[in-house]
Amino acid sequence: MHHEANKCIGCSVTQCSHHCGSENYCSLNKIQVGTHESDPSMDQCTDCKSFDKK
């Protein structure tokens, strides 16, 4: 499956179905970012809610 890279959304998560193969970009037009913490204080507390496992 070929995805067109959205150069505005960089991504290195190759396990996601929206990842653009050899390019480190997402193919979605928009992503949803969320958190799994009640009071996030570091980048590790945030999550890409648009992730879809290959």
PDB file of N, CA and C in Angstrom:
ATOM      1  N   MET A   1       0.845  -1.178   0.000  1.00  0.00           N
ATOM      2  CA  MET A   1       0.000   0.000   0.000  1.00  0.00           C
ATOM      3  C   MET A   1       0.891   1.241   0.000  1.00  0.00           C
ATOM      4  N   HIS A   2       0.607   2.177  -0.884  1.00  0.00           N
ATOM      5  CA  HIS A   2       1.383   3.418  -0.972  1.00  0.00           C
ATOM      6  C   HIS A   2       0.623   4.549  -0.306  1.00  0.00           C
ATOM      7  N   HIS A   3       1.322   5.268   0.556  1.00  0.00           N
ATOM      8  CA  HIS A   3       0.751   6.432   1.230  1.00  0.00           C
ATOM      9  C   HIS A   3       1.478   7.669   0.750  1.00  0.00           C
ATOM     10  N   GLU A   4       0.757   8.762   0.585  1.00  0.00           N
ATOM     11  CA  GLU A   4       1.386  10.031   0.239  1.00  0.00           C
ATOM     12  C   GLU A   4       1.809  10.733   1.523  1.00  0.00           C
ATOM     13  N   ALA A   5       3.071  11.121   1.603  1.00  0.00           N
ATOM     14  CA  ALA A   5       3.618  11.741   2.803  1.00  0.00           C
ATOM     15  C   ALA A   5       3.055  13.135   3.023  1.00  0.00           C
ATOM     16  N   ASN A   6       2.645  13.390   4.250  1.00  0.00           N
ATOM     17  CA  ASN A   6       2.255  14.733   4.661  1.00  0.00           C
ATOM     18  C   ASN A   6       3.491  15.352   5.301  1.00  0.00           C
ATOM     19  N   LYS A   7       4.161  16.230   4.590  1.00  0.00           N
ATOM     20  CA  LYS A   7       5.435  16.798   5.044  1.00  0.00           C
ATOM     21  C   LYS A   7       5.280  17.687   6.272  1.00  0.00           C
ATOM     22  N   CYS A   8       4.048  17.931   6.703  1.00  0.00           N
ATOM     23  CA  CYS A   8       3.788  18.718   7.917  1.00  0.00           C
ATOM     24  C   CYS A   8       3.742  17.850   9.166  1.00  0.00           C
ATOM     25  N   ILE A   9       3.685  16.512   8.986  1.00  0.00           N
ATOM     26  CA  ILE A   9       3.613  15.599  10.130  1.00  0.00           C
ATOM     27  C   ILE A   9       4.756  14.599  10.042  1.00  0.00           C
ATOM     28  N   GLY A  10       5.833  14.866  10.734  1.00  0.00           N
ATOM     29  CA  GLY A  10       6.954  13.936  10.794  1.00  0.00           C
ATOM     30  C   GLY A  10       6.612  12.781  11.714  1.00  0.00           C
ATOM     31  N   CYS A  11       7.046  11.578  11.363  1.00  0.00           N
ATOM     32  CA  CYS A  11       6.773  10.394  12.181  1.00  0.00           C
ATOM     33  C   CYS A  11       7.813   9.313  11.888  1.00  0.00           C
ATOM     34  N   SER A  12       8.297   8.680  12.939  1.00  0.00           N
ATOM     35  CA  SER A  12       9.270   7.600  12.770  1.00  0.00           C
ATOM     36  C   SER A  12       8.734   6.261  13.269  1.00  0.00           C
ATOM     37  N   VAL A  13       7.423   6.167  13.505  1.00  0.00           N
ATOM     38  CA  VAL A  13       6.815   4.939  14.010  1.00  0.00           C
ATOM     39  C   VAL A  13       6.439   4.048  12.826  1.00  0.00           C
ATOM     40  N   THR A  14       7.364   3.200  12.438  1.00  0.00           N
ATOM     41  CA  THR A  14       7.171   2.359  11.252  1.00  0.00           C
ATOM     42  C   THR A  14       6.117   1.275  11.454  1.00  0.00           C
ATOM     43  N   GLN A  15       5.722   1.016  12.689  1.00  0.00           N
ATOM     44  CA  GLN A  15       4.710   0.006  12.975  1.00  0.00           C
ATOM     45  C   GLN A  15       3.288   0.520  12.725  1.00  0.00           C
ATOM     46  N   CYS A  16       3.140   1.809  12.424  1.00  0.00           N
ATOM     47  CA  CYS A  16       1.825   2.395  12.192  1.00  0.00           C
ATOM     48  C   CYS A  16       1.448   2.262  10.713  1.00  0.00           C
ATOM     49  N   SER A  17       0.187   1.967  10.449  1.00  0.00           N
ATOM     50  CA  SER A  17      -0.267   1.797   9.071  1.00  0.00           C
ATOM     51  C   SER A  17      -0.285   3.118   8.301  1.00  0.00           C
ATOM     52  N   HIS A  18      -0.201   4.251   8.986  1.00  0.00           N
ATOM     53  CA  HIS A  18      -0.189   5.559   8.328  1.00  0.00           C
ATOM     54  C   HIS A  18       1.224   6.052   8.008  1.00  0.00           C
ATOM     55  N   HIS A  19       2.249   5.304   8.426  1.00  0.00           N
ATOM     56  CA  HIS A  19       3.639   5.688   8.168  1.00  0.00           C
ATOM     57  C   HIS A  19       3.950   5.532   6.685  1.00  0.00           C
ATOM     58  N   CYS A  20       4.814   6.399   6.169  1.00  0.00           N
ATOM     59  CA  CYS A  20       5.095   6.430   4.724  1.00  0.00           C
ATOM     60  C   CYS A  20       6.342   5.650   4.322  1.00  0.00           C
ATOM     61  N   GLY A  21       6.495   4.469   4.802  1.00  0.00           N
ATOM     62  CA  GLY A  21       7.573   3.587   4.348  1.00  0.00           C
ATOM     63  C   GLY A  21       8.957   4.142   4.567  1.00  0.00           C
ATOM     64  N   SER A  22       9.660   4.457   3.492  1.00  0.00           N
ATOM     65  CA  SER A  22      11.046   4.922   3.601  1.00  0.00           C
ATOM     66  C   SER A  22      11.145   6.386   4.010  1.00  0.00           C
ATOM     67  N   GLU A  23      10.030   7.113   4.013  1.00  0.00           N
ATOM     68  CA  GLU A  23      10.023   8.506   4.439  1.00  0.00           C
ATOM     69  C   GLU A  23       9.471   8.586   5.859  1.00  0.00           C
ATOM     70  N   ASN A  24      10.096   9.385   6.709  1.00  0.00           N
ATOM     71  CA  ASN A  24       9.640   9.506   8.093  1.00  0.00           C
ATOM     72  C   ASN A  24       8.557  10.571   8.228  1.00  0.00           C
ATOM     73  N   TYR A  25       7.421  10.273   7.578  1.00  0.00           N
ATOM     74  CA  TYR A  25       6.256  11.151   7.631  1.00  0.00           C
ATOM     75  C   TYR A  25       4.998  10.309   7.796  1.00  0.00           C
ATOM     76  N   CYS A  26       3.954  10.988   8.266  1.00  0.00           N
ATOM     77  CA  CYS A  26       2.621  10.391   8.367  1.00  0.00           C
ATOM     78  C   CYS A  26       1.866  10.700   7.082  1.00  0.00           C
ATOM     79  N   SER A  27       0.940   9.832   6.715  1.00  0.00           N
ATOM     80  CA  SER A  27       0.155  10.056   5.504  1.00  0.00           C
ATOM     81  C   SER A  27      -1.200  10.705   5.797  1.00  0.00           C
ATOM     82  N   LEU A  28      -1.541  10.870   7.059  1.00  0.00           N
ATOM     83  CA  LEU A  28      -2.829  11.475   7.392  1.00  0.00           C
ATOM     84  C   LEU A  28      -2.802  12.985   7.169  1.00  0.00           C
ATOM     85  N   ASN A  29      -3.975  13.570   6.942  1.00  0.00           N
ATOM     86  CA  ASN A  29      -4.087  15.023   6.818  1.00  0.00           C
ATOM     87  C   ASN A  29      -4.048  15.690   8.184  1.00  0.00           C
ATOM     88  N   LYS A  30      -4.475  14.952   9.210  1.00  0.00           N
ATOM     89  CA  LYS A  30      -4.547  15.474  10.567  1.00  0.00           C
ATOM     90  C   LYS A  30      -4.381  14.312  11.519  1.00  0.00           C
ATOM     91  N   ILE A  31      -3.706  14.533  12.648  1.00  0.00           N
ATOM     92  CA  ILE A  31      -3.599  13.516  13.683  1.00  0.00           C
ATOM     93  C   ILE A  31      -4.224  14.043  14.967  1.00  0.00           C
ATOM     94  N   GLN A  32      -4.548  13.124  15.861  1.00  0.00           N
ATOM     95  CA  GLN A  32      -5.084  13.484  17.171  1.00  0.00           C
ATOM     96  C   GLN A  32      -4.031  13.117  18.214  1.00  0.00           C
ATOM     97  N   VAL A  33      -3.593  14.105  18.992  1.00  0.00           N
ATOM     98  CA  VAL A  33      -2.634  13.875  20.069  1.00  0.00           C
ATOM     99  C   VAL A  33      -3.385  13.919  21.389  1.00  0.00           C
ATOM    100  N   GLY A  34      -3.092  12.956  22.257  1.00  0.00           N
ATOM    101  CA  GLY A  34      -3.746  12.894  23.559  1.00  0.00           C
ATOM    102  C   GLY A  34      -2.742  12.522  24.626  1.00  0.00           C
ATOM    103  N   THR A  35      -3.240  12.183  25.796  1.00  0.00           N
ATOM    104  CA  THR A  35      -2.373  11.800  26.906  1.00  0.00           C
ATOM    105  C   THR A  35      -2.985  10.636  27.676  1.00  0.00           C
ATOM    106  N   HIS A  36      -2.131   9.904  28.364  1.00  0.00           N
ATOM    107  CA  HIS A  36      -2.582   8.822  29.227  1.00  0.00           C
ATOM    108  C   HIS A  36      -2.383   9.204  30.697  1.00  0.00           C
ATOM    109  N   GLU A  37      -2.025  10.455  30.950  1.00  0.00           N
ATOM    110  CA  GLU A  37      -1.772  10.960  32.299  1.00  0.00           C
ATOM    111  C   GLU A  37      -2.836  11.990  32.682  1.00  0.00           C
ATOM    112  N   SER A  38      -3.095  12.121  33.973  1.00  0.00           N
ATOM    113  CA  SER A  38      -4.054  13.134  34.418  1.00  0.00           C
ATOM    114  C   SER A  38      -3.435  14.530  34.420  1.00  0.00           C
ATOM    115  N   ASP A  39      -2.108  14.608  34.559  1.00  0.00           N
ATOM    116  CA  ASP A  39      -1.406  15.893  34.568  1.00  0.00           C
ATOM    117  C   ASP A  39      -0.083  15.734  33.830  1.00  0.00           C
ATOM    118  N   PRO A  40      -0.103  15.684  32.497  1.00  0.00           N
ATOM    119  CA  PRO A  40       1.127  15.439  31.733  1.00  0.00           C
ATOM    120  C   PRO A  40       2.173  16.517  31.966  1.00  0.00           C
ATOM    121  N   SER A  41       3.420  16.065  32.172  1.00  0.00           N
ATOM    122  CA  SER A  41       4.505  17.010  32.442  1.00  0.00           C
ATOM    123  C   SER A  41       5.731  16.767  31.566  1.00  0.00           C
ATOM    124  N   MET A  42       5.730  15.696  30.769  1.00  0.00           N
ATOM    125  CA  MET A  42       6.858  15.373  29.895  1.00  0.00           C
ATOM    126  C   MET A  42       6.315  14.857  28.564  1.00  0.00           C
ATOM    127  N   ASP A  43       7.160  14.910  27.534  1.00  0.00           N
ATOM    128  CA  ASP A  43       6.704  14.436  26.222  1.00  0.00           C
ATOM    129  C   ASP A  43       6.329  12.956  26.237  1.00  0.00           C
ATOM    130  N   GLN A  44       6.910  12.183  27.128  1.00  0.00           N
ATOM    131  CA  GLN A  44       6.577  10.754  27.227  1.00  0.00           C
ATOM    132  C   GLN A  44       5.145  10.523  27.710  1.00  0.00           C
ATOM    133  N   CYS A  45       4.499  11.561  28.209  1.00  0.00           N
ATOM    134  CA  CYS A  45       3.116  11.452  28.691  1.00  0.00           C
ATOM    135  C   CYS A  45       2.096  11.633  27.574  1.00  0.00           C
ATOM    136  N   THR A  46       2.548  11.975  26.377  1.00  0.00           N
ATOM    137  CA  THR A  46       1.622  12.218  25.275  1.00  0.00           C
ATOM    138  C   THR A  46       1.612  11.035  24.311  1.00  0.00           C
ATOM    139  N   ASP A  47       0.525  10.889  23.583  1.00  0.00           N
ATOM    140  CA  ASP A  47       0.336   9.763  22.672  1.00  0.00           C
ATOM    141  C   ASP A  47      -0.294  10.237  21.365  1.00  0.00           C
ATOM    142  N   CYS A  48       0.058   9.576  20.271  1.00  0.00           N
ATOM    143  CA  CYS A  48      -0.626   9.803  19.001  1.00  0.00           C
ATOM    144  C   CYS A  48      -1.860   8.906  19.001  1.00  0.00           C
ATOM    145  N   LYS A  49      -3.021   9.511  19.141  1.00  0.00           N
ATOM    146  CA  LYS A  49      -4.270   8.765  19.187  1.00  0.00           C
ATOM    147  C   LYS A  49      -4.711   8.308  17.798  1.00  0.00           C
ATOM    148  N   SER A  50      -3.985   8.716  16.760  1.00  0.00           N
ATOM    149  CA  SER A  50      -4.282   8.283  15.396  1.00  0.00           C
ATOM    150  C   SER A  50      -3.519   7.025  15.004  1.00  0.00           C
ATOM    151  N   PHE A  51      -2.680   6.518  15.904  1.00  0.00           N
ATOM    152  CA  PHE A  51      -1.895   5.313  15.641  1.00  0.00           C
ATOM    153  C   PHE A  51      -2.803   4.144  15.282  1.00  0.00           C
ATOM    154  N   ASP A  52      -2.435   3.422  14.237  1.00  0.00           N
ATOM    155  CA  ASP A  52      -3.159   2.234  13.802  1.00  0.00           C
ATOM    156  C   ASP A  52      -2.117   1.185  13.442  1.00  0.00           C
ATOM    157  N   LYS A  53      -2.007   0.133  14.270  1.00  0.00           N
ATOM    158  CA  LYS A  53      -0.977  -0.899  14.057  1.00  0.00           C
ATOM    159  C   LYS A  53      -1.135  -1.557  12.703  1.00  0.00           C
ATOM    160  N   LYS A  54      -0.008  -1.751  12.026  1.00  0.00           N
ATOM    161  CA  LYS A  54      -0.003  -2.449  10.727  1.00  0.00           C
ATOM    162  C   LYS A  54      -0.471  -3.866  10.896  1.00  0.00           C
TER     163      LYS A  54
END
